[in-house]
Amino acid sequence: MSDENIVIEKYDRKGFIKSSLLGFFIGLAIIVPGISGSTIAILFKLYDKIIYAISNIFKKFKICFIFLLPIIIGLLIGVLLGFFAIKEILKLIPFAIVCLFAGLMIGSSKTVFDEIINEKINIKRITLLIVGLIIPILISVLSTTLVESNESVTFETILWYEYPLSLLLGFIVSITQLVPGLSATSFLMSVGYFNKIINSISLTVIKTNPLVLIIFLLLIIGFILGLFFVSKLINYIFKIARVTFFYLISGFVVGSIVSMFYNPDIYVTYKSWMSGESYALDLTLGIIFFIVGIILAFLFYIYEKKKKSLQN
């Protein structure tokens, strides 16, 4: 889809709510391991517009900023709710929450697959599909098996190399938010910095070492730079090889769903089950939430498809 085919309309009430809801779920995706914010954007059929708006924010500031505003508001609410509420719920019924999000993603995944159905299949596209499938699974496996989890680590002591590293981490995290199927949480866990960043969002840590604010600033700068440059790259790829790129994305989506059930956080849950901790409630709710998630998401897909056919 070229830039000429992307139209950013003025929001009506329903559109504003839809974009805010998208931002909210993207915010949750940043907190919940294994979930990709950009995959959710595709399921809401707003991925192309978000990429376009970010990559053209300086050229068409007003229209792009107005389009992104409700998404940003929803994202901030989602991050805050995810940080304070979802994290606590995950401690009680982690498997059930993961199942709910997995069900929602499976039920909506046809939105992604519609982009490649009836398209020509060749070796390059199949290879990209397989690569896309492997990458998120590989990241989850590595983060679970190779990185030792330390739930109490913080930035109370900062090594010199962690300043430039924070800039790089922010840049890479932005990639996980723009490339469907990649999870920011899973990536940060794979390099051992998820708990370190989360635990450092504390007045106690900031008072102990105010330089942690520089770390946060560098993370934000890296993230913003990544959003701008990577969105431009993806926007360009869409112009020259949209369908081929969606084969890669389709692999990312499937791999992301698999990785939700194997990452450092959920692995801790499995270990607690094996050690004899009660899991009947979590497992039962997980099965129910999984089915409900699939049904709700698929009904939403059908509704959006019918609405689009009526508009045409």
C-alpha atoms as a PDB file:
ATOM      1  CA  MET A   1       0.000   0.000   0.000  1.00  0.00           C
ATOM      2  CA  SER A   2       1.570   3.284  -1.118  1.00  0.00           C
ATOM      3  CA  ASP A   3       1.396   6.590   0.738  1.00  0.00           C
ATOM      4  CA  GLU A   4      -1.188   7.783  -1.778  1.00  0.00           C
ATOM      5  CA  ASN A   5      -3.546   4.984  -0.701  1.00  0.00           C
ATOM      6  CA  ILE A   6      -3.254   5.798   3.005  1.00  0.00           C
ATOM      7  CA  VAL A   7      -5.821   8.335   4.132  1.00  0.00           C
ATOM      8  CA  ILE A   8      -5.861   9.650   7.699  1.00  0.00           C
ATOM      9  CA  GLU A   9      -9.362  10.914   8.294  1.00  0.00           C
ATOM     10  CA  LYS A  10     -10.536  13.262  11.030  1.00  0.00           C
ATOM     11  CA  TYR A  11     -11.739  11.319  14.028  1.00  0.00           C
ATOM     12  CA  ASP A  12     -15.391  10.841  14.794  1.00  0.00           C
ATOM     13  CA  ARG A  13     -16.344   9.683  18.278  1.00  0.00           C
ATOM     14  CA  LYS A  14     -16.176   5.974  17.390  1.00  0.00           C
ATOM     15  CA  GLY A  15     -12.816   6.353  15.639  1.00  0.00           C
ATOM     16  CA  PHE A  16     -11.312   8.223  18.590  1.00  0.00           C
ATOM     17  CA  ILE A  17     -12.481   5.507  21.002  1.00  0.00           C
ATOM     18  CA  LYS A  18     -11.154   2.747  18.709  1.00  0.00           C
ATOM     19  CA  SER A  19      -7.711   4.369  18.476  1.00  0.00           C
ATOM     20  CA  SER A  20      -7.614   4.996  22.234  1.00  0.00           C
ATOM     21  CA  LEU A  21      -8.522   1.347  22.822  1.00  0.00           C
ATOM     22  CA  LEU A  22      -5.751   0.285  20.448  1.00  0.00           C
ATOM     23  CA  GLY A  23      -3.254   2.420  22.370  1.00  0.00           C
ATOM     24  CA  PHE A  24      -4.512   0.912  25.624  1.00  0.00           C
ATOM     25  CA  PHE A  25      -3.874  -2.644  24.406  1.00  0.00           C
ATOM     26  CA  ILE A  26      -0.457  -1.655  23.040  1.00  0.00           C
ATOM     27  CA  GLY A  27       0.347  -0.285  26.505  1.00  0.00           C
ATOM     28  CA  LEU A  28      -0.676  -3.595  28.073  1.00  0.00           C
ATOM     29  CA  ALA A  29       1.394  -5.432  25.462  1.00  0.00           C
ATOM     30  CA  ILE A  30       4.505  -3.611  26.676  1.00  0.00           C
ATOM     31  CA  ILE A  31       3.975  -5.097  30.160  1.00  0.00           C
ATOM     32  CA  VAL A  32       2.612  -8.597  29.400  1.00  0.00           C
ATOM     33  CA  PRO A  33       5.422 -10.940  28.226  1.00  0.00           C
ATOM     34  CA  GLY A  34       5.239 -12.307  24.680  1.00  0.00           C
ATOM     35  CA  ILE A  35       2.668  -9.854  23.290  1.00  0.00           C
ATOM     36  CA  SER A  36       3.460  -7.574  20.362  1.00  0.00           C
ATOM     37  CA  GLY A  37       1.944  -4.089  20.242  1.00  0.00           C
ATOM     38  CA  SER A  38       2.221  -3.847  16.464  1.00  0.00           C
ATOM     39  CA  THR A  39       0.425  -7.179  16.020  1.00  0.00           C
ATOM     40  CA  ILE A  40      -2.481  -5.667  17.938  1.00  0.00           C
ATOM     41  CA  ALA A  41      -2.325  -2.624  15.641  1.00  0.00           C
ATOM     42  CA  ILE A  42      -2.720  -4.931  12.631  1.00  0.00           C
ATOM     43  CA  LEU A  43      -5.681  -6.651  14.261  1.00  0.00           C
ATOM     44  CA  PHE A  44      -7.297  -3.212  14.685  1.00  0.00           C
ATOM     45  CA  LYS A  45      -6.517  -2.470  11.002  1.00  0.00           C
ATOM     46  CA  LEU A  46      -4.529   0.644  11.964  1.00  0.00           C
ATOM     47  CA  TYR A  47      -0.956  -0.596  11.504  1.00  0.00           C
ATOM     48  CA  ASP A  48      -0.399   1.030   8.095  1.00  0.00           C
ATOM     49  CA  LYS A  49      -1.721   4.370   9.303  1.00  0.00           C
ATOM     50  CA  ILE A  50       0.404   4.331  12.455  1.00  0.00           C
ATOM     51  CA  ILE A  51       3.565   3.597  10.447  1.00  0.00           C
ATOM     52  CA  TYR A  52       2.637   6.332   7.967  1.00  0.00           C
ATOM     53  CA  ALA A  53       1.853   8.871  10.722  1.00  0.00           C
ATOM     54  CA  ILE A  54       5.098   8.250  12.622  1.00  0.00           C
ATOM     55  CA  SER A  55       7.284   8.327   9.497  1.00  0.00           C
ATOM     56  CA  ASN A  56       5.637  11.565   8.287  1.00  0.00           C
ATOM     57  CA  ILE A  57       5.292  13.317  11.658  1.00  0.00           C
ATOM     58  CA  PHE A  58       7.604  16.186  10.610  1.00  0.00           C
ATOM     59  CA  LYS A  59       6.208  16.566   7.093  1.00  0.00           C
ATOM     60  CA  LYS A  60       2.546  16.581   8.123  1.00  0.00           C
ATOM     61  CA  PHE A  61       2.794  17.322  11.821  1.00  0.00           C
ATOM     62  CA  LYS A  62      -0.761  18.467  12.577  1.00  0.00           C
ATOM     63  CA  ILE A  63      -2.704  15.666  10.895  1.00  0.00           C
ATOM     64  CA  CYS A  64      -0.252  12.955  12.026  1.00  0.00           C
ATOM     65  CA  PHE A  65      -0.091  14.219  15.617  1.00  0.00           C
ATOM     66  CA  ILE A  66      -3.892  14.433  15.895  1.00  0.00           C
ATOM     67  CA  PHE A  67      -4.147  10.863  14.572  1.00  0.00           C
ATOM     68  CA  LEU A  68      -1.522   9.568  17.030  1.00  0.00           C
ATOM     69  CA  LEU A  69      -2.817  11.516  20.059  1.00  0.00           C
ATOM     70  CA  PRO A  70      -5.604   9.110  21.205  1.00  0.00           C
ATOM     71  CA  ILE A  71      -3.260   6.160  20.619  1.00  0.00           C
ATOM     72  CA  ILE A  72      -0.604   7.801  22.815  1.00  0.00           C
ATOM     73  CA  ILE A  73      -3.183   8.592  25.521  1.00  0.00           C
ATOM     74  CA  GLY A  74      -4.471   5.011  25.474  1.00  0.00           C
ATOM     75  CA  LEU A  75      -0.911   3.672  25.492  1.00  0.00           C
ATOM     76  CA  LEU A  76       0.020   5.659  28.608  1.00  0.00           C
ATOM     77  CA  ILE A  77      -3.119   4.455  30.396  1.00  0.00           C
ATOM     78  CA  GLY A  78      -2.378   0.884  29.316  1.00  0.00           C
ATOM     79  CA  VAL A  79       1.205   1.046  30.570  1.00  0.00           C
ATOM     80  CA  LEU A  80       0.125   2.488  33.923  1.00  0.00           C
ATOM     81  CA  LEU A  81      -2.686  -0.040  34.350  1.00  0.00           C
ATOM     82  CA  GLY A  82      -0.405  -2.823  33.195  1.00  0.00           C
ATOM     83  CA  PHE A  83       2.318  -1.766  35.593  1.00  0.00           C
ATOM     84  CA  PHE A  84       0.101  -1.428  38.673  1.00  0.00           C
ATOM     85  CA  ALA A  85      -2.817  -3.811  38.001  1.00  0.00           C
ATOM     86  CA  ILE A  86      -1.971  -6.429  35.378  1.00  0.00           C
ATOM     87  CA  LYS A  87       1.327  -7.181  37.106  1.00  0.00           C
ATOM     88  CA  GLU A  88      -0.579  -7.967  40.311  1.00  0.00           C
ATOM     89  CA  ILE A  89      -3.172 -10.076  38.470  1.00  0.00           C
ATOM     90  CA  LEU A  90      -0.349 -11.915  36.711  1.00  0.00           C
ATOM     91  CA  LYS A  91       0.956 -12.904  40.139  1.00  0.00           C
ATOM     92  CA  LEU A  92      -2.424 -14.514  40.964  1.00  0.00           C
ATOM     93  CA  ILE A  93      -3.469 -16.112  37.656  1.00  0.00           C
ATOM     94  CA  PRO A  94      -0.541 -15.695  35.223  1.00  0.00           C
ATOM     95  CA  PHE A  95      -1.430 -18.613  32.958  1.00  0.00           C
ATOM     96  CA  ALA A  96      -5.060 -17.476  32.634  1.00  0.00           C
ATOM     97  CA  ILE A  97      -4.073 -13.933  31.598  1.00  0.00           C
ATOM     98  CA  VAL A  98      -1.606 -15.236  29.017  1.00  0.00           C
ATOM     99  CA  CYS A  99      -4.319 -17.568  27.677  1.00  0.00           C
ATOM    100  CA  LEU A 100      -6.731 -14.645  27.339  1.00  0.00           C
ATOM    101  CA  PHE A 101      -4.280 -12.597  25.280  1.00  0.00           C
ATOM    102  CA  ALA A 102      -3.270 -15.648  23.236  1.00  0.00           C
ATOM    103  CA  GLY A 103      -6.924 -16.377  22.486  1.00  0.00           C
ATOM    104  CA  LEU A 104      -7.507 -12.781  21.403  1.00  0.00           C
ATOM    105  CA  MET A 105      -4.495 -12.920  19.093  1.00  0.00           C
ATOM    106  CA  ILE A 106      -5.484 -16.278  17.573  1.00  0.00           C
ATOM    107  CA  GLY A 107      -9.065 -15.132  17.027  1.00  0.00           C
ATOM    108  CA  SER A 108      -7.881 -12.003  15.251  1.00  0.00           C
ATOM    109  CA  SER A 109      -4.963 -13.521  13.349  1.00  0.00           C
ATOM    110  CA  LYS A 110      -6.995 -13.941  10.152  1.00  0.00           C
ATOM    111  CA  THR A 111      -6.685 -10.172   9.790  1.00  0.00           C
ATOM    112  CA  VAL A 112      -2.979 -10.718   9.184  1.00  0.00           C
ATOM    113  CA  PHE A 113      -3.350 -13.859   7.075  1.00  0.00           C
ATOM    114  CA  ASP A 114      -5.870 -12.119   4.792  1.00  0.00           C
ATOM    115  CA  GLU A 115      -2.917 -10.103   3.485  1.00  0.00           C
ATOM    116  CA  ILE A 116      -1.225 -13.214   2.034  1.00  0.00           C
ATOM    117  CA  ILE A 117      -4.184 -15.464   1.163  1.00  0.00           C
ATOM    118  CA  ASN A 118      -4.417 -16.056  -2.608  1.00  0.00           C
ATOM    119  CA  GLU A 119      -1.014 -14.425  -3.122  1.00  0.00           C
ATOM    120  CA  LYS A 120       1.744 -16.155  -5.086  1.00  0.00           C
ATOM    121  CA  ILE A 121       3.971 -18.424  -2.991  1.00  0.00           C
ATOM    122  CA  ASN A 122       7.702 -18.652  -3.684  1.00  0.00           C
ATOM    123  CA  ILE A 123      10.860 -19.771  -1.891  1.00  0.00           C
ATOM    124  CA  LYS A 124      11.697 -16.267  -0.627  1.00  0.00           C
ATOM    125  CA  ARG A 125       8.258 -15.775   0.921  1.00  0.00           C
ATOM    126  CA  ILE A 126       8.218 -19.205   2.559  1.00  0.00           C
ATOM    127  CA  THR A 127      11.717 -18.562   3.929  1.00  0.00           C
ATOM    128  CA  LEU A 128      10.589 -15.237   5.418  1.00  0.00           C
ATOM    129  CA  LEU A 129       7.548 -16.966   6.950  1.00  0.00           C
ATOM    130  CA  ILE A 130       9.800 -19.547   8.630  1.00  0.00           C
ATOM    131  CA  VAL A 131      12.305 -16.897   9.776  1.00  0.00           C
ATOM    132  CA  GLY A 132       9.458 -14.838  11.233  1.00  0.00           C
ATOM    133  CA  LEU A 133       8.181 -17.905  13.075  1.00  0.00           C
ATOM    134  CA  ILE A 134      11.584 -18.786  14.522  1.00  0.00           C
ATOM    135  CA  ILE A 135      12.782 -15.351  15.738  1.00  0.00           C
ATOM    136  CA  PRO A 136      10.269 -14.691  18.591  1.00  0.00           C
ATOM    137  CA  ILE A 137      10.438 -18.336  19.688  1.00  0.00           C
ATOM    138  CA  LEU A 138      14.249 -18.225  19.697  1.00  0.00           C
ATOM    139  CA  ILE A 139      14.262 -15.013  21.747  1.00  0.00           C
ATOM    140  CA  SER A 140      11.898 -16.589  24.296  1.00  0.00           C
ATOM    141  CA  VAL A 141      13.922 -19.802  24.517  1.00  0.00           C
ATOM    142  CA  LEU A 142      17.185 -17.891  24.975  1.00  0.00           C
ATOM    143  CA  SER A 143      15.683 -15.533  27.558  1.00  0.00           C
ATOM    144  CA  THR A 144      14.277 -18.499  29.494  1.00  0.00           C
ATOM    145  CA  THR A 145      17.254 -20.842  29.380  1.00  0.00           C
ATOM    146  CA  LEU A 146      20.331 -18.608  29.263  1.00  0.00           C
ATOM    147  CA  VAL A 147      19.498 -15.493  31.282  1.00  0.00           C
ATOM    148  CA  GLU A 148      19.357 -15.876  35.036  1.00  0.00           C
ATOM    149  CA  SER A 149      16.387 -13.952  36.408  1.00  0.00           C
ATOM    150  CA  ASN A 150      17.035 -11.535  39.268  1.00  0.00           C
ATOM    151  CA  GLU A 151      13.767  -9.997  40.421  1.00  0.00           C
ATOM    152  CA  SER A 152      15.365  -7.484  42.810  1.00  0.00           C
ATOM    153  CA  VAL A 153      18.110  -5.982  40.600  1.00  0.00           C
ATOM    154  CA  THR A 154      18.043  -2.179  40.017  1.00  0.00           C
ATOM    155  CA  PHE A 155      20.152   0.678  38.606  1.00  0.00           C
ATOM    156  CA  GLU A 156      21.364   1.715  42.071  1.00  0.00           C
ATOM    157  CA  THR A 157      24.870   1.196  40.689  1.00  0.00           C
ATOM    158  CA  ILE A 158      25.377   2.198  37.042  1.00  0.00           C
ATOM    159  CA  LEU A 159      28.357   0.976  35.030  1.00  0.00           C
ATOM    160  CA  TRP A 160      29.806   3.356  32.400  1.00  0.00           C
ATOM    161  CA  TYR A 161      28.767   1.231  29.416  1.00  0.00           C
ATOM    162  CA  GLU A 162      25.120   1.184  30.536  1.00  0.00           C
ATOM    163  CA  TYR A 163      24.651   4.776  29.348  1.00  0.00           C
ATOM    164  CA  PRO A 164      25.278   4.077  25.628  1.00  0.00           C
ATOM    165  CA  LEU A 165      23.667   0.660  26.095  1.00  0.00           C
ATOM    166  CA  SER A 166      20.448   2.324  27.317  1.00  0.00           C
ATOM    167  CA  LEU A 167      20.300   4.370  24.116  1.00  0.00           C
ATOM    168  CA  LEU A 168      20.691   1.170  22.080  1.00  0.00           C
ATOM    169  CA  LEU A 169      18.113  -0.702  24.186  1.00  0.00           C
ATOM    170  CA  GLY A 170      15.581   2.100  23.664  1.00  0.00           C
ATOM    171  CA  PHE A 171      16.193   1.940  19.903  1.00  0.00           C
ATOM    172  CA  ILE A 172      15.737  -1.849  19.778  1.00  0.00           C
ATOM    173  CA  VAL A 173      12.601  -1.713  21.960  1.00  0.00           C
ATOM    174  CA  SER A 174      11.087   0.683  19.405  1.00  0.00           C
ATOM    175  CA  ILE A 175      11.719  -1.973  16.743  1.00  0.00           C
ATOM    176  CA  THR A 176       9.774  -4.525  18.808  1.00  0.00           C
ATOM    177  CA  GLN A 177       6.847  -2.091  18.879  1.00  0.00           C
ATOM    178  CA  LEU A 178       6.903  -1.556  15.102  1.00  0.00           C
ATOM    179  CA  VAL A 179       7.628  -5.079  13.845  1.00  0.00           C
ATOM    180  CA  PRO A 180       4.628  -7.372  14.485  1.00  0.00           C
ATOM    181  CA  GLY A 181       5.309 -10.489  16.527  1.00  0.00           C
ATOM    182  CA  LEU A 182       8.216  -9.092  18.536  1.00  0.00           C
ATOM    183  CA  SER A 183       7.771  -8.420  22.250  1.00  0.00           C
ATOM    184  CA  ALA A 184       9.587  -5.638  24.102  1.00  0.00           C
ATOM    185  CA  THR A 185       9.275  -7.534  27.379  1.00  0.00           C
ATOM    186  CA  SER A 186      10.690 -10.758  25.936  1.00  0.00           C
ATOM    187  CA  PHE A 187      13.613  -8.878  24.373  1.00  0.00           C
ATOM    188  CA  LEU A 188      14.495  -7.018  27.588  1.00  0.00           C
ATOM    189  CA  MET A 189      14.254 -10.293  29.504  1.00  0.00           C
ATOM    190  CA  SER A 190      16.555 -11.964  26.966  1.00  0.00           C
ATOM    191  CA  VAL A 191      19.297  -9.397  27.688  1.00  0.00           C
ATOM    192  CA  GLY A 192      18.612  -9.308  31.431  1.00  0.00           C
ATOM    193  CA  TYR A 193      17.338  -5.732  31.665  1.00  0.00           C
ATOM    194  CA  PHE A 194      13.564  -6.065  32.130  1.00  0.00           C
ATOM    195  CA  ASN A 195      13.534  -6.360  35.929  1.00  0.00           C
ATOM    196  CA  LYS A 196      16.391  -3.863  36.217  1.00  0.00           C
ATOM    197  CA  ILE A 197      14.381  -1.170  34.389  1.00  0.00           C
ATOM    198  CA  ILE A 198      11.034  -1.948  36.029  1.00  0.00           C
ATOM    199  CA  ASN A 199      12.469  -2.102  39.556  1.00  0.00           C
ATOM    200  CA  SER A 200      14.308   1.204  39.034  1.00  0.00           C
ATOM    201  CA  ILE A 201      11.033   3.072  38.487  1.00  0.00           C
ATOM    202  CA  SER A 202      11.061   3.909  42.169  1.00  0.00           C
ATOM    203  CA  LEU A 203      11.569   7.071  44.222  1.00  0.00           C
ATOM    204  CA  THR A 204      13.847   5.091  46.520  1.00  0.00           C
ATOM    205  CA  VAL A 205      16.169   4.111  43.671  1.00  0.00           C
ATOM    206  CA  ILE A 206      16.104   7.641  42.190  1.00  0.00           C
ATOM    207  CA  LYS A 207      16.986   9.182  45.572  1.00  0.00           C
ATOM    208  CA  THR A 208      19.781   6.653  46.031  1.00  0.00           C
ATOM    209  CA  ASN A 209      21.216   7.324  42.572  1.00  0.00           C
ATOM    210  CA  PRO A 210      19.724  10.315  40.659  1.00  0.00           C
ATOM    211  CA  LEU A 211      21.799   9.309  37.612  1.00  0.00           C
ATOM    212  CA  VAL A 212      19.140   6.666  36.935  1.00  0.00           C
ATOM    213  CA  LEU A 213      17.111   9.541  35.431  1.00  0.00           C
ATOM    214  CA  ILE A 214      19.777   9.834  32.720  1.00  0.00           C
ATOM    215  CA  ILE A 215      19.295   6.125  31.991  1.00  0.00           C
ATOM    216  CA  PHE A 216      15.539   6.681  31.579  1.00  0.00           C
ATOM    217  CA  LEU A 217      16.165   9.740  29.379  1.00  0.00           C
ATOM    218  CA  LEU A 218      18.538   7.778  27.130  1.00  0.00           C
ATOM    219  CA  LEU A 219      16.003   4.941  26.860  1.00  0.00           C
ATOM    220  CA  ILE A 220      13.335   7.437  25.778  1.00  0.00           C
ATOM    221  CA  ILE A 221      15.647   9.174  23.266  1.00  0.00           C
ATOM    222  CA  GLY A 222      16.662   5.827  21.768  1.00  0.00           C
ATOM    223  CA  PHE A 223      13.011   4.764  21.592  1.00  0.00           C
ATOM    224  CA  ILE A 224      11.923   7.972  19.810  1.00  0.00           C
ATOM    225  CA  LEU A 225      14.818   7.798  17.332  1.00  0.00           C
ATOM    226  CA  GLY A 226      13.975   4.169  16.629  1.00  0.00           C
ATOM    227  CA  LEU A 227      10.287   4.920  16.068  1.00  0.00           C
ATOM    228  CA  PHE A 228      11.117   7.579  13.495  1.00  0.00           C
ATOM    229  CA  PHE A 229      13.833   5.773  11.516  1.00  0.00           C
ATOM    230  CA  VAL A 230      12.355   2.254  11.629  1.00  0.00           C
ATOM    231  CA  SER A 231       8.853   3.479  10.699  1.00  0.00           C
ATOM    232  CA  LYS A 232      10.386   5.153   7.634  1.00  0.00           C
ATOM    233  CA  LEU A 233      12.080   1.880   6.705  1.00  0.00           C
ATOM    234  CA  ILE A 234       8.865  -0.135   7.126  1.00  0.00           C
ATOM    235  CA  ASN A 235       6.904   2.482   5.186  1.00  0.00           C
ATOM    236  CA  TYR A 236       9.409   2.102   2.336  1.00  0.00           C
ATOM    237  CA  ILE A 237       9.223  -1.710   2.450  1.00  0.00           C
ATOM    238  CA  PHE A 238       5.419  -1.505   2.238  1.00  0.00           C
ATOM    239  CA  LYS A 239       5.778   0.485  -0.983  1.00  0.00           C
ATOM    240  CA  ILE A 240       8.040  -2.010  -2.729  1.00  0.00           C
ATOM    241  CA  ALA A 241       7.206  -5.428  -1.188  1.00  0.00           C
ATOM    242  CA  ARG A 242       4.079  -5.289   0.970  1.00  0.00           C
ATOM    243  CA  VAL A 243       2.881  -8.880   0.425  1.00  0.00           C
ATOM    244  CA  THR A 244       6.369 -10.355   0.836  1.00  0.00           C
ATOM    245  CA  PHE A 245       6.830  -8.408   4.086  1.00  0.00           C
ATOM    246  CA  PHE A 246       3.497  -9.751   5.363  1.00  0.00           C
ATOM    247  CA  TYR A 247       4.810 -13.301   4.979  1.00  0.00           C
ATOM    248  CA  LEU A 248       7.494 -12.327   7.498  1.00  0.00           C
ATOM    249  CA  ILE A 249       4.868 -10.657   9.696  1.00  0.00           C
ATOM    250  CA  SER A 250       2.621 -13.753   9.559  1.00  0.00           C
ATOM    251  CA  GLY A 251       5.520 -15.829  10.859  1.00  0.00           C
ATOM    252  CA  PHE A 252       6.154 -13.275  13.605  1.00  0.00           C
ATOM    253  CA  VAL A 253       2.487 -13.448  14.668  1.00  0.00           C
ATOM    254  CA  VAL A 254       2.449 -17.247  14.984  1.00  0.00           C
ATOM    255  CA  GLY A 255       5.846 -17.274  16.700  1.00  0.00           C
ATOM    256  CA  SER A 256       4.697 -14.565  19.102  1.00  0.00           C
ATOM    257  CA  ILE A 257       1.673 -16.631  20.158  1.00  0.00           C
ATOM    258  CA  VAL A 258       3.919 -19.638  20.821  1.00  0.00           C
ATOM    259  CA  SER A 259       6.418 -17.524  22.785  1.00  0.00           C
ATOM    260  CA  MET A 260       3.654 -16.314  25.103  1.00  0.00           C
ATOM    261  CA  PHE A 261       3.582 -19.831  26.557  1.00  0.00           C
ATOM    262  CA  TYR A 262       7.358 -20.101  26.926  1.00  0.00           C
ATOM    263  CA  ASN A 263       9.169 -17.116  28.394  1.00  0.00           C
ATOM    264  CA  PRO A 264      10.883 -16.392  31.735  1.00  0.00           C
ATOM    265  CA  ASP A 265       7.728 -15.213  33.540  1.00  0.00           C
ATOM    266  CA  ILE A 266       5.434 -18.073  32.520  1.00  0.00           C
ATOM    267  CA  TYR A 267       8.254 -20.593  33.026  1.00  0.00           C
ATOM    268  CA  VAL A 268       8.330 -19.595  36.695  1.00  0.00           C
ATOM    269  CA  THR A 269       4.616 -20.476  36.809  1.00  0.00           C
ATOM    270  CA  TYR A 270       5.259 -23.919  35.309  1.00  0.00           C
ATOM    271  CA  LYS A 271       8.026 -24.541  37.863  1.00  0.00           C
ATOM    272  CA  SER A 272       5.676 -23.630  40.719  1.00  0.00           C
ATOM    273  CA  TRP A 273       3.118 -26.098  39.365  1.00  0.00           C
ATOM    274  CA  MET A 274       5.752 -28.862  39.230  1.00  0.00           C
ATOM    275  CA  SER A 275       6.809 -28.085  42.808  1.00  0.00           C
ATOM    276  CA  GLY A 276       3.292 -28.871  44.014  1.00  0.00           C
ATOM    277  CA  GLU A 277       1.665 -25.429  44.112  1.00  0.00           C
ATOM    278  CA  SER A 278      -2.084 -25.476  43.392  1.00  0.00           C
ATOM    279  CA  TYR A 279      -2.853 -24.639  39.769  1.00  0.00           C
ATOM    280  CA  ALA A 280      -6.449 -25.847  39.276  1.00  0.00           C
ATOM    281  CA  LEU A 281      -7.985 -22.342  39.275  1.00  0.00           C
ATOM    282  CA  ASP A 282      -5.319 -20.810  37.025  1.00  0.00           C
ATOM    283  CA  LEU A 283      -5.495 -23.705  34.539  1.00  0.00           C
ATOM    284  CA  THR A 284      -9.314 -23.817  34.478  1.00  0.00           C
ATOM    285  CA  LEU A 285      -9.627 -20.063  33.995  1.00  0.00           C
ATOM    286  CA  GLY A 286      -6.892 -20.274  31.363  1.00  0.00           C
ATOM    287  CA  ILE A 287      -8.895 -22.718  29.254  1.00  0.00           C
ATOM    288  CA  ILE A 288     -12.056 -20.613  29.623  1.00  0.00           C
ATOM    289  CA  PHE A 289     -10.281 -17.314  28.885  1.00  0.00           C
ATOM    290  CA  PHE A 290      -8.524 -18.858  25.880  1.00  0.00           C
ATOM    291  CA  ILE A 291     -11.813 -19.944  24.285  1.00  0.00           C
ATOM    292  CA  VAL A 292     -13.567 -16.676  25.156  1.00  0.00           C
ATOM    293  CA  GLY A 293     -10.638 -14.681  23.725  1.00  0.00           C
ATOM    294  CA  ILE A 294     -10.771 -16.553  20.414  1.00  0.00           C
ATOM    295  CA  ILE A 295     -14.549 -16.135  20.104  1.00  0.00           C
ATOM    296  CA  LEU A 296     -14.578 -12.425  21.000  1.00  0.00           C
ATOM    297  CA  ALA A 297     -11.708 -11.576  18.668  1.00  0.00           C
ATOM    298  CA  PHE A 298     -13.174 -13.574  15.777  1.00  0.00           C
ATOM    299  CA  LEU A 299     -16.571 -11.907  16.227  1.00  0.00           C
ATOM    300  CA  PHE A 300     -14.807  -8.535  16.121  1.00  0.00           C
ATOM    301  CA  TYR A 301     -13.046  -9.625  12.905  1.00  0.00           C
ATOM    302  CA  ILE A 302     -16.384 -10.645  11.329  1.00  0.00           C
ATOM    303  CA  TYR A 303     -17.968  -7.339  12.406  1.00  0.00           C
ATOM    304  CA  GLU A 304     -15.138  -5.281  10.892  1.00  0.00           C
ATOM    305  CA  LYS A 305     -15.256  -7.293   7.669  1.00  0.00           C
ATOM    306  CA  LYS A 306     -19.026  -6.845   7.298  1.00  0.00           C
ATOM    307  CA  LYS A 307     -18.725  -3.128   8.015  1.00  0.00           C
ATOM    308  CA  LYS A 308     -16.039  -2.780   5.359  1.00  0.00           C
ATOM    309  CA  SER A 309     -18.127  -4.667   2.769  1.00  0.00           C
ATOM    310  CA  LEU A 310     -21.120  -2.395   3.459  1.00  0.00           C
ATOM    311  CA  GLN A 311     -18.940   0.694   3.018  1.00  0.00           C
ATOM    312  CA  ASN A 312     -17.765  -0.611  -0.352  1.00  0.00           C
END
